[in-house]
C-alpha atoms as a PDB file:
ATOM      1  CA  MET A   1      26.073 -92.711 -89.292  1.00  0.00           C
ATOM      2  CA  THR A   2      29.728 -92.237 -89.908  1.00  0.00           C
ATOM      3  CA  ALA A   3      29.577 -89.412 -92.684  1.00  0.00           C
ATOM      4  CA  GLU A   4      27.266 -87.229 -90.527  1.00  0.00           C
ATOM      5  CA  LEU A   5      29.621 -84.407 -90.695  1.00  0.00           C
ATOM      6  CA  VAL A   6      29.432 -84.703 -94.529  1.00  0.00           C
ATOM      7  CA  ARG A   7      25.620 -83.979 -94.599  1.00  0.00           C
ATOM      8  CA  VAL A   8      25.973 -80.747 -92.223  1.00  0.00           C
ATOM      9  CA  GLU A   9      28.503 -79.489 -94.546  1.00  0.00           C
ATOM     10  CA  GLN A  10      26.195 -80.081 -97.573  1.00  0.00           C
ATOM     11  CA  TRP A  11      23.326 -78.369 -95.740  1.00  0.00           C
ATOM     12  CA  MET A  12      25.457 -75.372 -95.025  1.00  0.00           C
ATOM     13  CA  TYR A  13      26.757 -75.032 -98.560  1.00  0.00           C
ATOM     14  CA  GLN A  14      22.925 -75.428 -99.791  1.00  0.00           C
ATOM     15  CA  ALA A  15      21.758 -72.837 -97.396  1.00  0.00           C
ATOM     16  CA  LEU A  16      24.477 -70.278 -98.173  1.00  0.00           C
ATOM     17  CA  ALA A  17      24.250 -70.430-101.838  1.00  0.00           C
ATOM     18  CA  ALA A  18      20.801 -70.094-101.860  1.00  0.00           C
ATOM     19  CA  ASP A  19      20.623 -66.592-100.333  1.00  0.00           C
ATOM     20  CA  ALA A  20      20.243 -64.251-103.186  1.00  0.00           C
ATOM     21  CA  THR A  21      21.989 -61.542-101.307  1.00  0.00           C
ATOM     22  CA  ILE A  22      24.925 -63.668-100.632  1.00  0.00           C
ATOM     23  CA  THR A  23      25.401 -65.026-103.935  1.00  0.00           C
ATOM     24  CA  SER A  24      24.855 -61.418-105.413  1.00  0.00           C
ATOM     25  CA  ILE A  25      28.319 -60.460-104.006  1.00  0.00           C
ATOM     26  CA  VAL A  26      30.274 -63.547-103.891  1.00  0.00           C
ATOM     27  CA  GLY A  27      28.881 -65.472-106.539  1.00  0.00           C
ATOM     28  CA  ASN A  28      29.637 -69.141-106.150  1.00  0.00           C
ATOM     29  CA  ARG A  29      32.640 -68.719-104.427  1.00  0.00           C
ATOM     30  CA  ILE A  30      31.369 -70.436-101.200  1.00  0.00           C
ATOM     31  CA  TYR A  31      33.653 -73.189 -99.682  1.00  0.00           C
ATOM     32  CA  SER A  32      33.962 -75.797 -97.251  1.00  0.00           C
ATOM     33  CA  GLU A  33      37.543 -75.797 -95.136  1.00  0.00           C
ATOM     34  CA  ALA A  34      39.534 -74.198 -97.874  1.00  0.00           C
ATOM     35  CA  ALA A  35      39.280 -71.904-100.789  1.00  0.00           C
ATOM     36  CA  PRO A  36      41.141 -72.921-104.095  1.00  0.00           C
ATOM     37  CA  GLN A  37      44.519 -71.111-104.563  1.00  0.00           C
ATOM     38  CA  GLY A  38      44.011 -67.854-106.817  1.00  0.00           C
ATOM     39  CA  SER A  39      40.362 -67.564-105.594  1.00  0.00           C
ATOM     40  CA  THR A  40      38.661 -64.155-106.264  1.00  0.00           C
ATOM     41  CA  PHE A  41      37.311 -62.216-103.109  1.00  0.00           C
ATOM     42  CA  PRO A  42      35.083 -61.451-101.447  1.00  0.00           C
ATOM     43  CA  LEU A  43      34.228 -65.359-100.812  1.00  0.00           C
ATOM     44  CA  VAL A  44      32.543 -67.264 -97.990  1.00  0.00           C
ATOM     45  CA  LEU A  45      34.375 -70.044 -96.160  1.00  0.00           C
ATOM     46  CA  PHE A  46      32.960 -72.180 -93.624  1.00  0.00           C
ATOM     47  CA  ALA A  47      34.765 -75.123 -91.551  1.00  0.00           C
ATOM     48  CA  HIS A  48      34.331 -77.567 -89.031  1.00  0.00           C
ATOM     49  CA  ILE A  49      36.022 -76.522 -85.781  1.00  0.00           C
ATOM     50  CA  GLY A  50      35.071 -79.289 -83.711  1.00  0.00           C
ATOM     51  CA  ASN A  51      32.245 -81.443 -82.088  1.00  0.00           C
ATOM     52  CA  VAL A  52      31.155 -82.982 -79.020  1.00  0.00           C
ATOM     53  CA  ASP A  53      28.634 -85.868 -78.922  1.00  0.00           C
ATOM     54  CA  VAL A  54      26.258 -85.619 -76.211  1.00  0.00           C
ATOM     55  CA  VAL A  55      24.577 -88.735 -75.339  1.00  0.00           C
ATOM     56  CA  ARG A  56      20.775 -88.815 -75.000  1.00  0.00           C
ATOM     57  CA  ALA A  57      18.940 -90.794 -72.201  1.00  0.00           C
ATOM     58  CA  MET A  58      16.235 -93.245 -72.757  1.00  0.00           C
ATOM     59  CA  ASN A  59      17.950 -95.000 -75.574  1.00  0.00           C
ATOM     60  CA  ASN A  60      17.378 -92.016 -78.194  1.00  0.00           C
ATOM     61  CA  GLY A  61      20.652 -92.212 -79.622  1.00  0.00           C
ATOM     62  CA  ARG A  62      23.104 -89.266 -79.485  1.00  0.00           C
ATOM     63  CA  MET A  63      23.162 -85.810 -80.951  1.00  0.00           C
ATOM     64  CA  ALA A  64      26.321 -84.176 -82.019  1.00  0.00           C
ATOM     65  CA  LYS A  65      27.039 -80.524 -81.249  1.00  0.00           C
ATOM     66  CA  ASN A  66      28.928 -79.519 -84.155  1.00  0.00           C
ATOM     67  CA  ILE A  67      30.969 -76.079 -84.198  1.00  0.00           C
ATOM     68  CA  MET A  68      31.134 -74.523 -87.340  1.00  0.00           C
ATOM     69  CA  LEU A  69      32.985 -71.180 -88.181  1.00  0.00           C
ATOM     70  CA  VAL A  70      31.369 -69.138 -91.160  1.00  0.00           C
ATOM     71  CA  ARG A  71      33.282 -66.143 -92.448  1.00  0.00           C
ATOM     72  CA  VAL A  72      33.126 -63.955 -95.485  1.00  0.00           C
ATOM     73  CA  ILE A  73      36.721 -62.810 -96.421  1.00  0.00           C
ATOM     74  CA  GLY A  74      37.638 -59.721 -98.627  1.00  0.00           C
ATOM     75  CA  THR A  75      40.889 -57.690 -99.407  1.00  0.00           C
ATOM     76  CA  GLY A  76      41.773 -54.687 -97.654  1.00  0.00           C
ATOM     77  CA  THR A  77      41.055 -53.362 -94.296  1.00  0.00           C
ATOM     78  CA  SER A  78      37.302 -52.416 -94.057  1.00  0.00           C
ATOM     79  CA  THR A  79      34.605 -54.655 -92.591  1.00  0.00           C
ATOM     80  CA  GLY A  80      31.994 -52.525 -94.155  1.00  0.00           C
ATOM     81  CA  GLY A  81      30.272 -52.398 -97.248  1.00  0.00           C
ATOM     82  CA  ASN A  82      29.831 -56.019 -99.246  1.00  0.00           C
ATOM     83  CA  ILE A  83      31.691 -57.772 -96.141  1.00  0.00           C
ATOM     84  CA  LYS A  84      29.227 -56.473 -93.764  1.00  0.00           C
ATOM     85  CA  THR A  85      26.430 -57.317 -95.816  1.00  0.00           C
ATOM     86  CA  VAL A  86      27.307 -60.743 -96.639  1.00  0.00           C
ATOM     87  CA  ALA A  87      28.051 -61.413 -92.691  1.00  0.00           C
ATOM     88  CA  ASP A  88      24.807 -60.012 -91.845  1.00  0.00           C
ATOM     89  CA  ARG A  89      22.990 -62.456 -93.842  1.00  0.00           C
ATOM     90  CA  PHE A  90      24.580 -65.555 -91.756  1.00  0.00           C
ATOM     91  CA  ASP A  91      22.102 -65.577 -89.071  1.00  0.00           C
ATOM     92  CA  PRO A  92      19.006 -65.411 -91.134  1.00  0.00           C
ATOM     93  CA  VAL A  93      20.257 -68.284 -93.572  1.00  0.00           C
ATOM     94  CA  LEU A  94      21.648 -70.362 -90.638  1.00  0.00           C
ATOM     95  CA  LEU A  95      19.466 -70.163 -87.741  1.00  0.00           C
ATOM     96  CA  LYS A  96      17.207 -73.026 -88.666  1.00  0.00           C
ATOM     97  CA  GLU A  97      15.657 -76.025 -86.888  1.00  0.00           C
ATOM     98  CA  ASN A  98      14.168 -79.414 -87.947  1.00  0.00           C
ATOM     99  CA  ILE A  99      15.913 -79.974 -91.426  1.00  0.00           C
ATOM    100  CA  THR A 100      16.778 -83.228 -92.823  1.00  0.00           C
ATOM    101  CA  ILE A 101      19.299 -83.981 -95.365  1.00  0.00           C
ATOM    102  CA  ASP A 102      19.941 -87.420 -96.628  1.00  0.00           C
ATOM    103  CA  GLY A 103      19.257 -89.493 -93.609  1.00  0.00           C
ATOM    104  CA  VAL A 104      20.886 -86.666 -91.032  1.00  0.00           C
ATOM    105  CA  ARG A 105      18.257 -84.601 -88.926  1.00  0.00           C
ATOM    106  CA  ILE A 106      19.478 -81.060 -87.962  1.00  0.00           C
ATOM    107  CA  ALA A 107      17.700 -80.426 -84.808  1.00  0.00           C
ATOM    108  CA  TYR A 108      18.810 -76.607 -84.857  1.00  0.00           C
ATOM    109  CA  VAL A 109      21.410 -74.209 -85.218  1.00  0.00           C
ATOM    110  CA  GLN A 110      22.381 -71.693 -82.469  1.00  0.00           C
ATOM    111  CA  HIS A 111      24.848 -68.645 -82.797  1.00  0.00           C
ATOM    112  CA  ASP A 112      27.507 -69.052 -80.479  1.00  0.00           C
ATOM    113  CA  GLN A 113      29.712 -65.734 -80.941  1.00  0.00           C
ATOM    114  CA  HIS A 114      30.897 -63.358 -83.474  1.00  0.00           C
ATOM    115  CA  ALA A 115      34.642 -63.810 -85.145  1.00  0.00           C
ATOM    116  CA  ILE A 116      36.620 -60.933 -86.614  1.00  0.00           C
ATOM    117  CA  ARG A 117      39.935 -60.999 -87.924  1.00  0.00           C
ATOM    118  CA  LYS A 118      42.365 -58.627 -90.079  1.00  0.00           C
ATOM    119  CA  ASP A 119      45.943 -59.542 -91.240  1.00  0.00           C
ATOM    120  CA  ASN A 120      48.105 -59.916 -94.347  1.00  0.00           C
ATOM    121  CA  GLU A 121      48.368 -62.796 -96.609  1.00  0.00           C
ATOM    122  CA  ASN A 122      51.525 -62.738 -98.519  1.00  0.00           C
ATOM    123  CA  GLY A 123      51.382 -58.937 -98.369  1.00  0.00           C
ATOM    124  CA  VAL A 124      47.726 -58.452 -99.114  1.00  0.00           C
ATOM    125  CA  PRO A 125      45.538 -57.258 -96.156  1.00  0.00           C
ATOM    126  CA  MET A 126      42.679 -59.518 -95.403  1.00  0.00           C
ATOM    127  CA  VAL A 127      39.536 -59.146 -93.371  1.00  0.00           C
ATOM    128  CA  TYR A 128      37.404 -62.089 -91.950  1.00  0.00           C
ATOM    129  CA  VAL A 129      34.259 -61.304 -90.606  1.00  0.00           C
ATOM    130  CA  GLY A 130      31.641 -64.106 -89.271  1.00  0.00           C
ATOM    131  CA  SER A 131      30.333 -66.103 -86.464  1.00  0.00           C
ATOM    132  CA  TYR A 132      30.594 -69.779 -84.755  1.00  0.00           C
ATOM    133  CA  TYR A 133      27.765 -71.418 -85.119  1.00  0.00           C
ATOM    134  CA  LEU A 134      26.762 -74.714 -83.167  1.00  0.00           C
ATOM    135  CA  VAL A 135      24.854 -77.521 -85.351  1.00  0.00           C
ATOM    136  CA  PHE A 136      22.919 -80.100 -83.556  1.00  0.00           C
ATOM    137  CA  SER A 137      22.639 -83.007 -85.553  1.00  0.00           C
ATOM    138  CA  GLN A 138      21.873 -86.640 -85.472  1.00  0.00           C
ATOM    139  CA  PRO A 139      20.822 -89.794 -87.647  1.00  0.00           C
ATOM    140  CA  ALA A 140      17.071 -89.043 -88.774  1.00  0.00           C
END
């Protein structure tokens, strides 16, 4: 399926947007790849970083290992408070298995590693907290 990754991103958005704790803090500010210019913070941003197709034996097709980076982004330099609360929800929300969405099966999701970054964006201090996830998917 050529647009398999689109379905993975669709599931990821739906999973994050369905969590009451996340949406109580960021509202509907959950974006794939890039947030619109002028967005309000905090917000959640997830992005496809890369993938590896794994060929399976016995004519069972293939499975894609999609590398996704999921982060909550806020202004300031603190990783505490609401930023930490949102980041703490990523594992419970995303570590799932056997999900089918629009002809794509997400076999399972694995936490890979944490990610944290602090920098300045146009003179405004920003903090990014989240994790890399491996999303194993294949045509259903």
